[in-house]
C-alpha atoms as a PDB file:
ATOM      1  CA  MET A   1      -2.821  -1.687  74.331  1.00  0.00           C
ATOM      2  CA  ARG A   2      -0.652  -0.038  76.971  1.00  0.00           C
ATOM      3  CA  ASN A   3      -3.227   2.722  77.442  1.00  0.00           C
ATOM      4  CA  GLN A   4      -6.048   0.198  77.699  1.00  0.00           C
ATOM      5  CA  LEU A   5      -4.164  -1.738  80.355  1.00  0.00           C
ATOM      6  CA  LEU A   6      -3.463   1.424  82.333  1.00  0.00           C
ATOM      7  CA  GLU A   7      -7.110   2.501  82.056  1.00  0.00           C
ATOM      8  CA  SER A   8      -8.220  -0.908  83.316  1.00  0.00           C
ATOM      9  CA  GLY A   9      -6.057  -0.526  86.428  1.00  0.00           C
ATOM     10  CA  VAL A  10      -2.837  -2.369  85.572  1.00  0.00           C
ATOM     11  CA  ASP A  11       0.089  -0.807  87.435  1.00  0.00           C
ATOM     12  CA  GLU A  12       2.440   1.217  85.222  1.00  0.00           C
ATOM     13  CA  GLU A  13       5.514  -0.168  86.980  1.00  0.00           C
ATOM     14  CA  LEU A  14       4.347  -3.703  86.194  1.00  0.00           C
ATOM     15  CA  LEU A  15       3.931  -2.741  82.521  1.00  0.00           C
ATOM     16  CA  LYS A  16       7.478  -1.359  82.509  1.00  0.00           C
ATOM     17  CA  GLN A  17       8.799  -4.628  83.962  1.00  0.00           C
ATOM     18  CA  ILE A  18       6.878  -6.686  81.402  1.00  0.00           C
ATOM     19  CA  THR A  19       8.163  -4.482  78.569  1.00  0.00           C
ATOM     20  CA  LYS A  20      11.744  -4.748  79.816  1.00  0.00           C
ATOM     21  CA  LYS A  21      11.517  -8.541  80.133  1.00  0.00           C
ATOM     22  CA  ALA A  22       9.941  -8.923  76.673  1.00  0.00           C
ATOM     23  CA  ARG A  23      12.594  -6.701  75.081  1.00  0.00           C
ATOM     24  CA  LEU A  24      15.376  -8.700  76.755  1.00  0.00           C
ATOM     25  CA  GLU A  25      13.856 -12.013  75.596  1.00  0.00           C
ATOM     26  CA  ALA A  26      13.529 -10.701  72.032  1.00  0.00           C
ATOM     27  CA  GLU A  27      17.109  -9.420  72.002  1.00  0.00           C
ATOM     28  CA  GLU A  28      18.441 -12.727  73.342  1.00  0.00           C
ATOM     29  CA  ALA A  29      16.448 -14.688  70.767  1.00  0.00           C
ATOM     30  CA  PHE A  30      17.710 -12.400  68.002  1.00  0.00           C
ATOM     31  CA  GLU A  31      21.323 -12.872  69.086  1.00  0.00           C
ATOM     32  CA  LYS A  32      20.848 -16.645  69.256  1.00  0.00           C
ATOM     33  CA  ALA A  33      19.362 -16.644  65.748  1.00  0.00           C
ATOM     34  CA  GLN A  34      22.204 -14.479  64.426  1.00  0.00           C
ATOM     35  CA  LYS A  35      24.795 -16.892  65.840  1.00  0.00           C
ATOM     36  CA  ALA A  36      22.994 -20.014  64.620  1.00  0.00           C
ATOM     37  CA  GLU A  37      24.457 -22.041  61.812  1.00  0.00           C
ATOM     38  CA  ASP A  38      22.892 -21.475  58.406  1.00  0.00           C
ATOM     39  CA  PRO A  39      20.528 -24.246  57.344  1.00  0.00           C
ATOM     40  CA  LYS A  40      22.000 -26.894  55.102  1.00  0.00           C
ATOM     41  CA  PRO A  41      20.465 -27.014  51.611  1.00  0.00           C
ATOM     42  CA  GLU A  42      20.099 -30.797  51.819  1.00  0.00           C
ATOM     43  CA  THR A  43      17.655 -30.423  54.744  1.00  0.00           C
ATOM     44  CA  VAL A  44      15.215 -28.159  52.890  1.00  0.00           C
ATOM     45  CA  MET A  45      12.608 -30.918  52.410  1.00  0.00           C
ATOM     46  CA  GLN A  46      12.691 -32.168  56.006  1.00  0.00           C
ATOM     47  CA  HIS A  47      10.330 -29.652  57.587  1.00  0.00           C
ATOM     48  CA  ILE A  48       7.702 -28.926  54.962  1.00  0.00           C
ATOM     49  CA  PHE A  49       4.875 -30.822  56.681  1.00  0.00           C
ATOM     50  CA  ALA A  50       4.386 -31.825  60.291  1.00  0.00           C
ATOM     51  CA  PRO A  51       4.073 -35.586  60.673  1.00  0.00           C
ATOM     52  CA  THR A  52       0.480 -36.799  60.972  1.00  0.00           C
ATOM     53  CA  PRO A  53      -1.117 -40.169  61.594  1.00  0.00           C
ATOM     54  CA  ILE A  54      -3.984 -39.196  59.267  1.00  0.00           C
ATOM     55  CA  THR A  55      -3.574 -40.850  55.893  1.00  0.00           C
ATOM     56  CA  GLU A  56      -7.023 -40.443  54.362  1.00  0.00           C
ATOM     57  CA  GLU A  57     -10.085 -38.267  54.679  1.00  0.00           C
ATOM     58  CA  VAL A  58     -13.175 -39.931  56.141  1.00  0.00           C
ATOM     59  CA  GLY A  59     -16.672 -38.692  56.881  1.00  0.00           C
ATOM     60  CA  THR A  60     -18.843 -36.134  55.204  1.00  0.00           C
ATOM     61  CA  ARG A  61     -17.519 -32.708  54.269  1.00  0.00           C
ATOM     62  CA  GLU A  62     -20.931 -31.017  54.205  1.00  0.00           C
ATOM     63  CA  PRO A  63     -23.513 -30.856  56.956  1.00  0.00           C
ATOM     64  CA  ALA A  64     -26.815 -32.520  56.052  1.00  0.00           C
ATOM     65  CA  GLY A  65     -28.937 -29.922  54.277  1.00  0.00           C
ATOM     66  CA  GLY A  66     -26.145 -27.373  54.578  1.00  0.00           C
ATOM     67  CA  GLU A  67     -25.283 -24.844  51.931  1.00  0.00           C
ATOM     68  CA  LYS A  68     -21.961 -25.173  50.112  1.00  0.00           C
ATOM     69  CA  ILE A  69     -19.690 -22.168  50.546  1.00  0.00           C
ATOM     70  CA  VAL A  70     -16.191 -21.361  49.346  1.00  0.00           C
ATOM     71  CA  MET A  71     -13.265 -21.825  51.711  1.00  0.00           C
ATOM     72  CA  VAL A  72     -12.567 -18.110  52.207  1.00  0.00           C
ATOM     73  CA  ASP A  73     -16.178 -17.555  53.294  1.00  0.00           C
ATOM     74  CA  ALA A  74     -15.887 -20.430  55.758  1.00  0.00           C
ATOM     75  CA  ALA A  75     -12.749 -18.815  57.219  1.00  0.00           C
ATOM     76  CA  ILE A  76     -14.487 -15.446  57.543  1.00  0.00           C
ATOM     77  CA  HIS A  77     -17.484 -17.100  59.243  1.00  0.00           C
ATOM     78  CA  ALA A  78     -15.130 -18.790  61.711  1.00  0.00           C
ATOM     79  CA  ILE A  79     -13.297 -15.530  62.510  1.00  0.00           C
ATOM     80  CA  GLN A  80     -16.642 -13.762  62.903  1.00  0.00           C
ATOM     81  CA  GLU A  81     -17.870 -16.406  65.358  1.00  0.00           C
ATOM     82  CA  ILE A  82     -14.710 -16.017  67.427  1.00  0.00           C
ATOM     83  CA  MET A  83     -15.056 -12.234  67.480  1.00  0.00           C
ATOM     84  CA  TRP A  84     -18.717 -12.426  68.559  1.00  0.00           C
ATOM     85  CA  LYS A  85     -17.933 -14.965  71.266  1.00  0.00           C
ATOM     86  CA  HIS A  86     -14.803 -13.180  72.515  1.00  0.00           C
ATOM     87  CA  PRO A  87     -15.174  -9.373  72.630  1.00  0.00           C
ATOM     88  CA  GLU A  88     -11.481  -9.111  73.539  1.00  0.00           C
ATOM     89  CA  ALA A  89     -10.440 -10.751  70.238  1.00  0.00           C
ATOM     90  CA  LEU A  90      -8.680  -8.577  67.673  1.00  0.00           C
ATOM     91  CA  LEU A  91      -7.919  -9.219  63.998  1.00  0.00           C
ATOM     92  CA  TYR A  92      -4.601  -7.976  62.648  1.00  0.00           C
ATOM     93  CA  GLY A  93      -3.531  -8.564  59.068  1.00  0.00           C
ATOM     94  CA  GLN A  94      -2.267  -7.151  55.819  1.00  0.00           C
ATOM     95  CA  ASP A  95      -4.983  -4.863  54.458  1.00  0.00           C
ATOM     96  CA  VAL A  96      -7.785  -6.511  56.471  1.00  0.00           C
ATOM     97  CA  GLY A  97      -9.389  -3.291  57.722  1.00  0.00           C
ATOM     98  CA  GLU A  98     -12.787  -1.944  56.759  1.00  0.00           C
ATOM     99  CA  ARG A  99     -11.568   0.239  53.901  1.00  0.00           C
ATOM    100  CA  ILE A 100      -9.555  -2.417  52.039  1.00  0.00           C
ATOM    101  CA  GLY A 101     -10.782  -5.789  53.319  1.00  0.00           C
ATOM    102  CA  GLY A 102      -7.863  -7.909  52.159  1.00  0.00           C
ATOM    103  CA  VAL A 103      -6.639  -8.798  48.720  1.00  0.00           C
ATOM    104  CA  PHE A 104     -10.002 -10.345  47.807  1.00  0.00           C
ATOM    105  CA  ARG A 105     -12.041  -7.975  50.024  1.00  0.00           C
ATOM    106  CA  GLU A 106     -12.964 -10.987  52.147  1.00  0.00           C
ATOM    107  CA  THR A 107     -12.590  -9.202  55.495  1.00  0.00           C
ATOM    108  CA  VAL A 108     -14.298  -5.927  54.608  1.00  0.00           C
ATOM    109  CA  THR A 109     -17.462  -7.151  56.352  1.00  0.00           C
ATOM    110  CA  LEU A 110     -15.522  -7.849  59.553  1.00  0.00           C
ATOM    111  CA  GLY A 111     -14.178  -4.310  59.566  1.00  0.00           C
ATOM    112  CA  LYS A 112     -17.700  -2.953  59.169  1.00  0.00           C
ATOM    113  CA  LYS A 113     -19.170  -5.252  61.830  1.00  0.00           C
ATOM    114  CA  PHE A 114     -16.459  -4.929  64.476  1.00  0.00           C
ATOM    115  CA  GLY A 115     -14.942  -1.534  63.678  1.00  0.00           C
ATOM    116  CA  SER A 116     -11.449  -0.135  63.568  1.00  0.00           C
ATOM    117  CA  LYS A 117     -10.835  -0.781  67.268  1.00  0.00           C
ATOM    118  CA  ARG A 118     -10.915  -4.548  66.656  1.00  0.00           C
ATOM    119  CA  VAL A 119      -9.891  -5.031  63.003  1.00  0.00           C
ATOM    120  CA  PHE A 120      -6.476  -3.601  62.122  1.00  0.00           C
ATOM    121  CA  ASN A 121      -4.287  -3.309  59.072  1.00  0.00           C
ATOM    122  CA  THR A 122      -0.642  -4.204  59.608  1.00  0.00           C
ATOM    123  CA  ALA A 123       2.372  -3.172  57.627  1.00  0.00           C
ATOM    124  CA  ILE A 124       3.866  -5.312  54.895  1.00  0.00           C
ATOM    125  CA  LEU A 125       7.357  -6.264  56.060  1.00  0.00           C
END
Protein backbone atom coordinates (compact mmCIF):
# COMPACT_ATOMS: atom_id res chain seq x y z
CA MET A 1 0.00 0.00 0.00
CA ARG A 2 2.89 2.33 0.81
CA ASN A 3 4.24 1.96 -2.73
CA GLN A 4 0.82 2.60 -4.23
CA LEU A 5 0.44 5.76 -2.17
CA LEU A 6 3.88 6.99 -3.20
CA GLU A 7 3.15 6.22 -6.86
CA SER A 8 -0.11 8.16 -6.63
CA GLY A 9 1.75 11.24 -5.37
CA VAL A 10 1.41 11.06 -1.58
CA ASP A 11 4.42 12.71 0.06
CA GLU A 12 6.85 10.25 1.68
CA GLU A 13 7.32 12.49 4.71
CA LEU A 14 3.56 12.47 5.29
CA LEU A 15 3.56 8.66 5.12
CA LYS A 16 6.35 8.57 7.70
CA GLN A 17 4.33 10.83 10.02
CA ILE A 18 1.21 8.70 9.59
CA THR A 19 3.21 5.52 10.28
CA LYS A 20 4.80 7.05 13.38
CA LYS A 21 1.43 8.22 14.72
CA ALA A 22 -0.23 4.85 14.04
CA ARG A 23 2.61 2.97 15.74
CA LEU A 24 2.40 5.25 18.78
CA GLU A 25 -1.39 4.80 19.01
CA ALA A 26 -1.02 1.01 18.76
CA GLU A 27 1.69 0.93 21.42
CA GLU A 28 -0.38 3.10 23.77
CA ALA A 29 -3.45 0.92 23.24
CA PHE A 30 -1.37 -2.21 23.87
CA GLU A 31 0.02 -0.80 27.11
CA LYS A 32 -3.47 0.21 28.24
CA ALA A 33 -4.76 -3.29 27.49
CA GLN A 34 -1.83 -4.88 29.34
CA LYS A 35 -2.54 -2.77 32.43
CA ALA A 36 -6.30 -3.34 32.34
CA GLU A 37 -7.93 -5.49 34.96
CA ASP A 38 -8.74 -9.04 33.89
CA PRO A 39 -12.42 -9.58 33.12
CA LYS A 40 -14.48 -11.04 35.91
CA PRO A 41 -15.90 -14.50 35.17
CA GLU A 42 -19.34 -13.44 36.40
CA THR A 43 -19.58 -10.86 33.58
CA VAL A 44 -19.02 -13.36 30.75
CA MET A 45 -22.68 -13.36 29.67
CA GLN A 46 -23.10 -9.57 29.67
CA HIS A 47 -21.66 -8.79 26.25
CA ILE A 48 -22.67 -11.69 24.03
CA PHE A 49 -25.28 -9.77 22.02
CA ALA A 50 -25.73 -6.07 21.41
CA PRO A 51 -29.10 -4.85 22.65
CA THR A 52 -31.71 -4.52 19.90
CA PRO A 53 -35.27 -3.24 19.79
CA ILE A 54 -36.11 -5.92 17.21
CA THR A 55 -37.99 -8.78 18.82
CA GLU A 56 -39.44 -10.60 15.83
CA GLU A 57 -38.84 -11.01 12.13
CA VAL A 58 -41.42 -9.42 9.83
CA GLY A 59 -41.76 -9.23 6.06
CA THR A 60 -40.78 -11.61 3.33
CA ARG A 61 -37.36 -13.22 3.23
CA GLU A 62 -37.41 -13.92 -0.52
CA PRO A 63 -37.92 -11.47 -3.34
CA ALA A 64 -41.02 -12.18 -5.44
CA GLY A 65 -40.00 -14.66 -8.13
CA GLY A 66 -36.47 -14.77 -6.76
CA GLU A 67 -34.34 -17.87 -6.62
CA LYS A 68 -33.48 -19.33 -3.22
CA ILE A 69 -29.75 -19.45 -2.53
CA VAL A 70 -27.70 -20.56 0.46
CA MET A 71 -26.37 -17.95 2.87
CA VAL A 72 -22.72 -18.29 1.85
CA ASP A 73 -23.65 -17.62 -1.78
CA ALA A 74 -25.59 -14.54 -0.72
CA ALA A 75 -22.52 -13.28 1.16
CA ILE A 76 -20.28 -13.87 -1.86
CA HIS A 77 -22.76 -12.05 -4.12
CA ALA A 78 -22.75 -9.09 -1.72
CA ILE A 79 -18.93 -8.95 -1.58
CA GLN A 80 -18.80 -9.22 -5.37
CA GLU A 81 -21.23 -6.30 -5.77
CA ILE A 82 -19.11 -4.17 -3.45
CA MET A 83 -15.93 -5.03 -5.36
CA TRP A 84 -17.54 -4.19 -8.72
CA LYS A 85 -18.93 -0.92 -7.40
CA HIS A 86 -15.75 0.09 -5.56
CA PRO A 87 -12.55 -0.71 -7.51
CA GLU A 88 -10.51 0.37 -4.48
CA ALA A 89 -12.08 -2.38 -2.32
CA LEU A 90 -9.85 -5.25 -1.24
CA LEU A 91 -10.73 -8.61 0.32
CA TYR A 92 -8.40 -9.98 2.98
CA GLY A 93 -9.09 -13.24 4.77
CA GLN A 94 -7.87 -16.64 5.84
CA ASP A 95 -7.32 -18.68 2.68
CA VAL A 96 -9.65 -16.54 0.54
CA GLY A 97 -7.32 -16.19 -2.45
CA GLU A 98 -7.82 -17.67 -5.89
CA ARG A 99 -5.88 -20.87 -5.24
CA ILE A 100 -7.64 -21.91 -2.02
CA GLY A 101 -10.92 -19.97 -1.91
CA GLY A 102 -11.68 -20.40 1.77
CA VAL A 103 -12.53 -23.44 3.81
CA PHE A 104 -15.55 -24.20 1.61
CA ARG A 105 -13.99 -22.74 -1.57
CA GLU A 106 -16.66 -20.04 -1.48
CA THR A 107 -14.33 -17.19 -2.45
CA VAL A 108 -12.38 -18.93 -5.21
CA THR A 109 -14.55 -17.17 -7.80
CA LEU A 110 -13.72 -13.77 -6.31
CA GLY A 111 -10.01 -14.49 -6.60
CA LYS A 112 -10.47 -15.44 -10.24
CA LYS A 113 -12.66 -12.42 -11.03
CA PHE A 114 -10.69 -9.74 -9.18
CA GLY A 115 -7.18 -11.21 -9.12
CA SER A 116 -4.42 -11.40 -6.58
CA LYS A 117 -4.05 -7.62 -6.37
CA ARG A 118 -7.50 -7.34 -4.75
CA VAL A 119 -8.12 -10.69 -3.03
CA PHE A 120 -5.50 -11.65 -0.44
CA ASN A 121 -4.81 -14.52 1.89
CA THR A 122 -3.88 -13.54 5.43
CA ALA A 123 -1.98 -15.49 8.01
CA ILE A 124 -3.68 -17.54 10.70
CA LEU A 125 -2.75 -15.94 14.02
